[in-house]
Protein backbone atom coordinates (compact mmCIF):
# COMPACT_ATOMS: atom_id res chain seq x y z
CA MET A 1 115.25 61.29 83.35
CA ASN A 2 115.44 57.52 83.88
CA SER A 3 112.38 55.27 83.89
CA ASP A 4 112.43 54.72 87.67
CA ARG A 5 112.39 58.44 88.39
CA ARG A 6 109.70 59.04 85.75
CA SER A 7 107.62 56.30 87.36
CA PHE A 8 108.03 57.92 90.79
CA LEU A 9 106.89 61.34 89.54
CA LYS A 10 103.91 59.78 87.79
CA LYS A 11 102.83 57.96 90.94
CA ALA A 12 103.23 61.14 92.97
CA GLY A 13 100.98 62.99 90.55
CA ILE A 14 103.72 65.50 89.69
CA THR A 15 104.00 66.78 86.14
CA GLY A 16 106.52 69.07 84.52
CA ALA A 17 104.19 72.03 85.11
CA GLY A 18 104.26 71.46 88.86
CA LEU A 19 107.97 70.73 89.22
CA LEU A 20 110.54 73.46 89.76
CA SER A 21 114.22 73.21 90.50
CA SER A 22 116.12 74.65 93.45
CA PRO A 23 119.96 74.94 93.18
CA TYR A 24 122.34 73.88 95.93
CA LEU A 25 126.13 73.71 96.18
CA ASN A 26 127.51 70.17 95.98
CA ALA A 27 130.26 70.02 98.62
CA THR A 28 132.01 67.14 96.85
CA THR A 29 132.22 68.50 93.30
CA GLY A 30 132.00 72.23 94.07
CA SER A 31 129.31 72.63 91.39
CA LEU A 32 125.68 73.71 91.52
CA ASP A 33 123.27 70.79 91.50
CA PHE A 34 119.49 70.93 91.56
CA LEU A 35 116.90 69.51 93.93
CA PRO A 36 113.26 69.22 92.89
CA ARG A 37 110.86 71.74 94.41
CA PHE A 38 107.15 71.04 94.07
CA ASN A 39 104.61 73.80 93.42
CA PHE A 40 101.37 72.74 95.13
CA GLU A 41 98.00 74.48 95.13
CA PRO A 42 97.48 76.48 98.38
CA VAL A 43 95.33 74.67 100.95
CA PRO A 44 93.65 75.76 104.22
CA SER A 45 95.82 76.04 107.31
CA ALA A 46 95.05 73.85 110.31
CA ALA A 47 93.22 76.72 112.04
CA GLN A 48 91.22 77.48 108.89
CA ARG A 49 90.34 73.81 108.45
CA SER A 50 89.12 73.52 112.05
CA TRP A 51 86.96 76.60 111.55
CA MET A 52 85.59 75.29 108.22
CA GLU A 53 84.56 72.07 109.93
CA LEU A 54 82.12 74.05 112.10
CA GLN A 55 80.04 74.67 108.92
CA PHE A 56 76.90 76.18 110.52
CA GLY A 57 76.61 78.83 113.20
CA LEU A 58 74.20 81.18 114.97
CA PHE A 59 74.71 84.95 114.71
CA ILE A 60 73.32 87.00 117.63
CA HIS A 61 72.46 90.68 117.15
CA PHE A 62 71.50 92.04 120.55
CA GLY A 63 72.25 95.41 122.15
CA ILE A 64 71.03 98.91 122.76
CA ASN A 65 69.29 98.97 119.36
CA THR A 66 67.01 96.18 120.61
CA TYR A 67 65.41 98.66 123.03
CA TYR A 68 64.90 101.59 120.66
CA ASP A 69 63.47 99.96 117.51
CA LYS A 70 66.73 100.64 115.65
CA GLU A 71 69.04 98.77 113.32
CA TRP A 72 71.77 101.39 113.63
CA SER A 73 72.09 104.15 116.22
CA ASP A 74 74.60 106.93 116.81
CA GLY A 75 75.92 106.25 120.31
CA SER A 76 73.68 108.78 122.05
CA LEU A 77 70.89 106.51 123.34
CA ASP A 78 70.48 106.05 127.10
CA PRO A 79 71.85 102.60 128.08
CA TYR A 80 69.72 102.44 131.23
CA ARG A 81 66.75 101.13 129.21
CA VAL A 82 68.61 97.89 128.36
CA ASP A 83 67.03 95.23 130.58
CA PRO A 84 66.86 91.63 129.29
CA ASN A 85 65.35 90.45 132.58
CA LYS A 86 64.60 86.98 131.21
CA LEU A 87 67.98 86.53 129.53
CA ASN A 88 68.50 82.89 128.62
CA THR A 89 71.76 82.30 126.78
CA MET A 90 71.41 78.57 127.46
CA GLU A 91 68.22 78.64 125.36
CA TRP A 92 70.18 80.31 122.56
CA CYS A 93 72.75 77.51 122.68
CA ARG A 94 70.27 74.63 122.92
CA THR A 95 68.34 76.01 119.95
CA ALA A 96 71.57 76.26 117.99
CA LEU A 97 72.40 72.64 118.82
CA ASP A 98 68.93 71.48 117.75
CA ALA A 99 69.53 73.18 114.39
CA GLY A 100 72.82 71.34 113.92
CA MET A 101 74.97 74.40 114.57
CA LYS A 102 78.46 74.19 116.04
CA TYR A 103 79.28 77.79 116.90
CA ILE A 104 77.79 81.14 117.98
CA VAL A 105 79.01 84.62 117.05
CA LEU A 106 77.85 87.41 119.36
CA VAL A 107 77.68 91.09 118.43
CA CYS A 108 79.69 92.38 121.38
CA LYS A 109 79.76 95.96 120.09
CA HIS A 110 77.89 97.43 117.12
CA HIS A 111 78.52 100.77 115.39
CA ASP A 112 76.86 102.65 118.26
CA GLY A 113 79.69 101.61 120.59
CA PHE A 114 77.50 99.97 123.26
CA CYS A 115 79.40 97.06 124.84
CA LEU A 116 77.75 93.88 126.12
CA TRP A 117 80.64 93.41 128.53
CA PRO A 118 81.80 95.83 131.29
CA SER A 119 84.67 97.40 129.36
CA LYS A 120 86.99 99.61 131.41
CA TYR A 121 87.62 101.91 128.45
CA THR A 122 84.19 103.40 127.84
CA ASP A 123 81.18 104.47 129.90
CA TYR A 124 78.81 103.02 127.28
CA THR A 125 78.43 99.46 128.51
CA ILE A 126 76.03 96.94 129.99
CA SER A 127 77.22 98.10 133.44
CA ARG A 128 75.25 101.32 133.03
CA SER A 129 72.05 99.50 132.12
CA ARG A 130 69.19 98.44 134.36
CA PHE A 131 70.33 94.86 133.80
CA SER A 132 74.03 95.52 134.57
CA ARG A 133 75.26 91.89 134.22
CA ASP A 134 77.95 90.78 131.76
CA ILE A 135 76.12 89.21 128.79
CA VAL A 136 79.33 88.05 127.11
CA ALA A 137 80.26 86.09 130.25
CA SER A 138 76.79 84.52 130.36
CA LEU A 139 77.08 83.29 126.78
CA VAL A 140 80.63 82.01 127.37
CA ASN A 141 79.36 79.91 130.25
CA SER A 142 76.48 78.52 128.16
CA CYS A 143 78.81 77.66 125.27
CA GLU A 144 81.17 75.85 127.64
CA ASN A 145 78.25 73.80 128.99
CA THR A 146 76.94 72.85 125.54
CA GLY A 147 80.18 72.37 123.61
CA LEU A 148 79.53 75.18 121.13
CA LYS A 149 82.45 77.26 119.90
CA LEU A 150 82.28 81.02 120.45
CA GLY A 151 83.05 83.93 118.14
CA PHE A 152 82.83 87.71 118.54
CA TYR A 153 81.66 90.49 116.22
CA TYR A 154 83.33 93.83 116.96
CA SER A 155 82.68 97.10 115.13
CA LEU A 156 85.82 99.14 114.54
CA TRP A 157 83.59 102.15 113.96
CA ASP A 158 82.43 103.47 117.35
CA GLN A 159 80.01 106.40 117.21
CA HIS A 160 79.98 106.93 120.96
CA VAL A 161 83.64 107.81 121.49
CA ALA A 162 84.26 111.38 120.36
CA PHE A 163 87.91 110.83 119.42
CA SER A 164 86.97 108.19 116.84
CA LYS A 165 86.10 110.96 114.38
CA ASN A 166 89.49 112.64 114.17
CA ASP A 167 92.18 110.83 116.15
CA ASP A 168 93.31 107.66 114.38
CA TRP A 169 96.08 106.83 116.83
CA TYR A 170 94.11 107.25 120.03
CA LEU A 171 91.35 105.13 118.47
CA LEU A 172 93.88 102.37 117.76
CA GLU A 173 94.86 102.28 121.45
CA PHE A 174 91.17 102.16 122.39
CA ILE A 175 90.50 99.24 120.00
CA LEU A 176 93.51 97.26 121.20
CA ASN A 177 92.52 97.74 124.84
CA GLN A 178 89.00 96.45 124.20
CA LEU A 179 90.23 93.53 122.10
CA GLU A 180 92.58 92.56 124.91
CA GLU A 181 89.60 92.45 127.27
CA LEU A 182 87.64 90.20 124.91
CA LEU A 183 90.52 87.92 123.95
CA THR A 184 92.02 87.41 127.41
CA GLY A 185 88.94 87.45 129.64
CA TYR A 186 86.59 84.93 128.05
CA GLY A 187 88.56 81.90 126.89
CA PRO A 188 89.15 80.63 123.32
CA VAL A 189 87.54 82.66 120.52
CA VAL A 190 87.14 80.79 117.24
CA GLU A 191 86.22 83.82 115.12
CA LEU A 192 86.64 87.59 115.31
CA LEU A 193 84.49 89.45 112.77
CA PHE A 194 85.35 93.12 112.32
CA ASP A 195 82.89 95.58 110.80
CA GLY A 196 82.57 99.29 110.03
CA PHE A 197 85.80 99.67 108.02
CA TRP A 198 84.08 101.96 105.47
CA GLU A 199 84.08 104.86 107.92
CA ARG A 200 87.77 105.34 107.03
CA GLN A 201 87.68 104.22 103.39
CA GLN A 202 87.01 107.15 101.07
CA SER A 203 88.48 105.78 97.84
CA GLY A 204 88.23 102.71 95.63
CA TRP A 205 84.47 102.24 95.53
CA THR A 206 83.10 101.23 92.11
CA GLN A 207 79.84 99.80 90.84
CA LYS A 208 79.03 96.22 91.74
CA THR A 209 77.42 94.82 88.61
CA GLU A 210 77.79 94.99 84.87
CA PRO A 211 76.07 98.11 83.42
CA ALA A 212 72.99 97.86 81.23
CA VAL A 213 73.69 97.19 77.53
CA GLU A 214 71.94 100.36 76.42
CA GLU A 215 74.36 102.45 78.49
CA ALA A 216 77.10 101.56 75.97
CA GLN A 217 79.74 101.18 78.68
CA GLU A 218 82.50 98.63 79.02
CA PRO A 219 81.45 95.56 81.05
CA VAL A 220 82.88 95.40 84.56
CA ASP A 221 85.69 92.88 85.11
CA LEU A 222 84.75 91.78 88.63
CA ASN A 223 88.12 90.15 89.35
CA LYS A 224 89.95 93.35 88.44
CA ARG A 225 87.38 95.42 90.29
CA ASP A 226 87.88 93.36 93.46
CA GLU A 227 91.69 93.48 93.19
CA ASP A 228 91.53 97.26 92.69
CA PHE A 229 89.43 97.62 95.82
CA ILE A 230 91.88 95.53 97.85
CA LYS A 231 94.65 97.87 96.68
CA ALA A 232 92.57 100.93 97.63
CA TRP A 233 91.88 99.37 101.04
CA ARG A 234 95.57 98.68 101.63
CA MET A 235 96.53 102.22 100.61
CA GLU A 236 93.93 103.93 102.80
CA GLY A 237 91.60 102.00 105.09
CA ALA A 238 94.14 99.44 106.30
CA TYR A 239 96.59 102.24 107.09
CA ARG A 240 94.09 104.47 108.86
CA TRP A 241 92.78 101.61 110.98
CA GLN A 242 96.30 100.16 111.38
CA MET A 243 94.89 96.74 110.54
CA ASP A 244 98.29 95.05 110.28
CA HIS A 245 98.95 96.05 113.89
CA ILE A 246 95.46 94.97 115.02
CA TYR A 247 95.72 91.61 113.22
CA ASN A 248 99.12 90.79 114.73
CA PHE A 249 97.87 91.85 118.15
CA VAL A 250 94.93 89.43 117.87
CA LYS A 251 97.09 86.55 116.64
CA ASN A 252 99.56 87.12 119.45
CA LEU A 253 96.76 86.73 122.01
CA GLN A 254 94.87 83.93 120.24
CA PRO A 255 96.80 82.35 117.32
CA GLU A 256 93.94 80.00 116.39
CA CYS A 257 91.32 82.76 116.14
CA ASN A 258 90.13 83.30 112.57
CA VAL A 259 89.99 87.00 111.76
CA MET A 260 87.52 88.47 109.24
CA ASN A 261 86.72 92.01 108.11
CA ASN A 262 83.24 92.61 106.69
CA SER A 263 83.74 93.70 103.08
CA THR A 264 80.08 94.81 102.79
CA ALA A 265 77.40 93.47 100.45
CA ALA A 266 79.02 95.52 97.65
CA TYR A 267 82.21 93.42 97.76
CA GLN A 268 81.00 89.99 98.83
CA GLY A 269 83.79 87.51 99.41
CA VAL A 270 86.61 90.05 98.95
CA PRO A 271 89.35 89.65 101.59
CA LEU A 272 90.35 92.91 103.27
CA PHE A 273 93.85 91.79 104.21
CA PRO A 274 95.19 90.88 106.68
CA VAL A 275 92.48 88.28 107.41
CA ASP A 276 92.13 84.51 107.75
CA ALA A 277 88.73 84.19 106.06
CA ARG A 278 86.28 86.14 103.90
CA ASN A 279 82.64 86.93 104.50
CA GLY A 280 79.69 87.38 102.15
CA GLU A 281 76.43 88.91 103.34
CA ARG A 282 73.58 86.99 101.67
CA TYR A 283 76.09 85.46 99.26
CA LYS A 284 74.44 83.21 96.66
CA ASN A 285 77.05 82.68 93.92
CA PRO A 286 79.13 79.63 94.85
CA GLU A 287 79.98 78.86 91.23
CA ASN A 288 81.91 82.15 90.98
CA ASP A 289 83.58 81.99 94.38
CA ARG A 290 87.32 82.47 94.34
CA LYS A 291 89.34 80.58 96.95
CA ILE A 292 92.95 81.51 96.12
CA TRP A 293 94.04 85.12 96.64
CA ASN A 294 97.41 86.81 96.45
CA TRP A 295 98.85 88.10 99.70
CA LEU A 296 102.47 88.89 100.63
CA GLY A 297 103.79 87.67 97.32
CA ARG A 298 102.08 84.30 97.16
CA GLY A 299 98.74 82.63 96.68
CA ILE A 300 96.89 81.67 99.86
CA TYR A 301 93.62 79.87 100.55
CA MET A 302 90.80 82.09 101.86
CA PRO A 303 87.69 80.27 103.18
CA LEU A 304 84.29 81.95 103.14
CA GLN A 305 81.51 82.63 105.65
CA ILE A 306 78.03 83.50 104.38
CA GLU A 307 75.84 85.61 106.69
CA THR A 308 72.09 86.10 106.47
CA THR A 309 69.26 86.87 108.89
CA MET A 310 66.06 85.00 109.70
CA SER A 311 63.98 88.18 109.47
CA THR A 312 62.72 88.81 105.94
CA LYS A 313 60.93 92.12 106.48
CA GLY A 314 63.01 95.22 106.99
CA ASN A 315 62.42 98.95 106.80
CA GLN A 316 63.10 101.52 104.09
CA ARG A 317 66.82 101.68 104.87
CA PHE A 318 67.27 97.91 105.35
CA PRO A 319 64.49 96.37 103.23
CA SER A 320 65.85 92.82 102.99
CA GLY A 321 65.39 91.88 106.66
CA ASN A 322 66.24 93.02 110.19
CA TRP A 323 69.24 91.90 112.20
CA PHE A 324 68.10 93.29 115.56
CA TRP A 325 64.69 92.57 117.12
CA HIS A 326 61.72 94.83 116.38
CA GLU A 327 58.36 94.22 118.03
CA TRP A 328 56.47 94.84 114.78
CA ASP A 329 58.51 92.32 112.78
CA ARG A 330 57.09 88.79 112.88
CA SER A 331 58.56 87.71 109.53
CA VAL A 332 60.78 84.65 109.43
CA MET A 333 62.79 82.76 106.84
CA SER A 334 61.29 79.41 105.86
CA LYS A 335 62.98 76.05 106.35
CA GLU A 336 63.34 75.76 102.59
CA GLU A 337 65.18 79.08 102.34
CA ILE A 338 67.55 78.12 105.16
CA LEU A 339 68.23 74.73 103.59
CA ASN A 340 68.93 76.45 100.26
CA TYR A 341 71.49 78.66 102.00
CA LEU A 342 73.05 75.59 103.61
CA ASN A 343 73.27 73.94 100.22
CA THR A 344 74.89 77.06 98.77
CA ALA A 345 77.40 77.05 101.61
CA LYS A 346 78.16 73.37 101.13
CA THR A 347 78.62 73.81 97.39
CA SER A 348 81.13 76.61 97.93
CA GLU A 349 82.83 74.93 100.92
CA ALA A 350 81.69 77.85 103.07
CA ASN A 351 80.28 78.25 106.55
CA LEU A 352 76.77 79.64 107.04
CA LEU A 353 76.19 82.09 109.92
CA LEU A 354 72.44 82.52 110.42
CA ASN A 355 71.31 85.54 112.41
CA VAL A 356 68.60 85.92 115.04
CA GLY A 357 67.73 89.00 117.07
CA PRO A 358 66.70 88.06 120.62
CA THR A 359 63.83 90.10 122.05
CA ASN A 360 64.04 92.86 124.67
CA LEU A 361 63.54 90.13 127.30
CA GLY A 362 66.70 88.34 126.19
CA VAL A 363 64.96 85.29 124.70
CA LEU A 364 64.70 84.17 121.08
CA ARG A 365 61.69 85.09 118.97
CA GLU A 366 59.14 82.27 118.96
CA GLU A 367 59.19 82.26 115.16
CA ASP A 368 62.96 81.76 115.02
CA GLU A 369 63.05 79.14 117.75
CA LYS A 370 60.29 77.06 116.14
CA ILE A 371 62.00 76.98 112.74
CA LEU A 372 65.46 76.24 114.11
CA ARG A 373 64.39 73.47 116.49
CA THR A 374 62.59 71.63 113.69
CA LEU A 375 64.90 72.52 110.81
CA PHE A 376 65.65 68.93 109.81
CA ASN A 377 62.34 67.37 110.90
């Protein structure tokens, strides 16, 4: 290697460890020559980078559970009771803007199967409620008027539709039909967060943390544990849900939409491929966060979204805080706690999605609104 070429490689920051060779046939000599091929660290795609620049968003849990003092329900509750007669999605957006947020993610359908839009493929929708108006459309309009980006949460698990229990293929058609409604009827969607995968994942679950010393067991290798779970997911859950098909369907309709699949609090930050980003419910370990994951034979960059809720008082089943509104719950996360989460997100180059549960009237809780509007004051 001559001095000029060595100087070029040095200036380019390329060392022997990052330089590979790629053979090609020299048409003049008939021999194989070699061109340099550079092995760079994976970086975010343009769509991932645009999403990462949003940094801070508002999560909205609102639905049939709001009217029955529930966090989860089984798809049997009467939708007629749903009546947010003072619905104010513009207030949701203005509060988000005051807090420095740049996007909103709406729970369009939770595990109960109740849809906040008038889906043609189920009878369990806002159309059958006393309110009857399309809440997704209302929020879309408010986001357009305020400049906020919009994302959707959609539960794959639907407890209302009877065929979801035993007919994988009919359920796939149902999911694709509803996703087509959401992704073609409401404009650009910056994020699609799937949930409920565990309903079709029987294998691969292992303990989360290292066992106590006195148990005389081998410590848990969390990297191996996470990789093993991804393999179990690909062998079972991804097949049963047909996630490759669903992912490609979404990207065909909206190529810039960032797809996520909630890996649960047990597997925070683990990508359930195929996805564009990871999520971590109440994630607080930025120093251990892994950005590069192996997918389709190569390393790819996987950004992170941290989710938490402003309620700090839950019930016996969900003790760490409610996601939907409950009249008896007046607890609220402090400014300091929210700022700590924002700092954690910044440290790990992650987005923070902070949840509120609007009341049965369709307005934000006073406690949440007060904190968010004065977050940086």
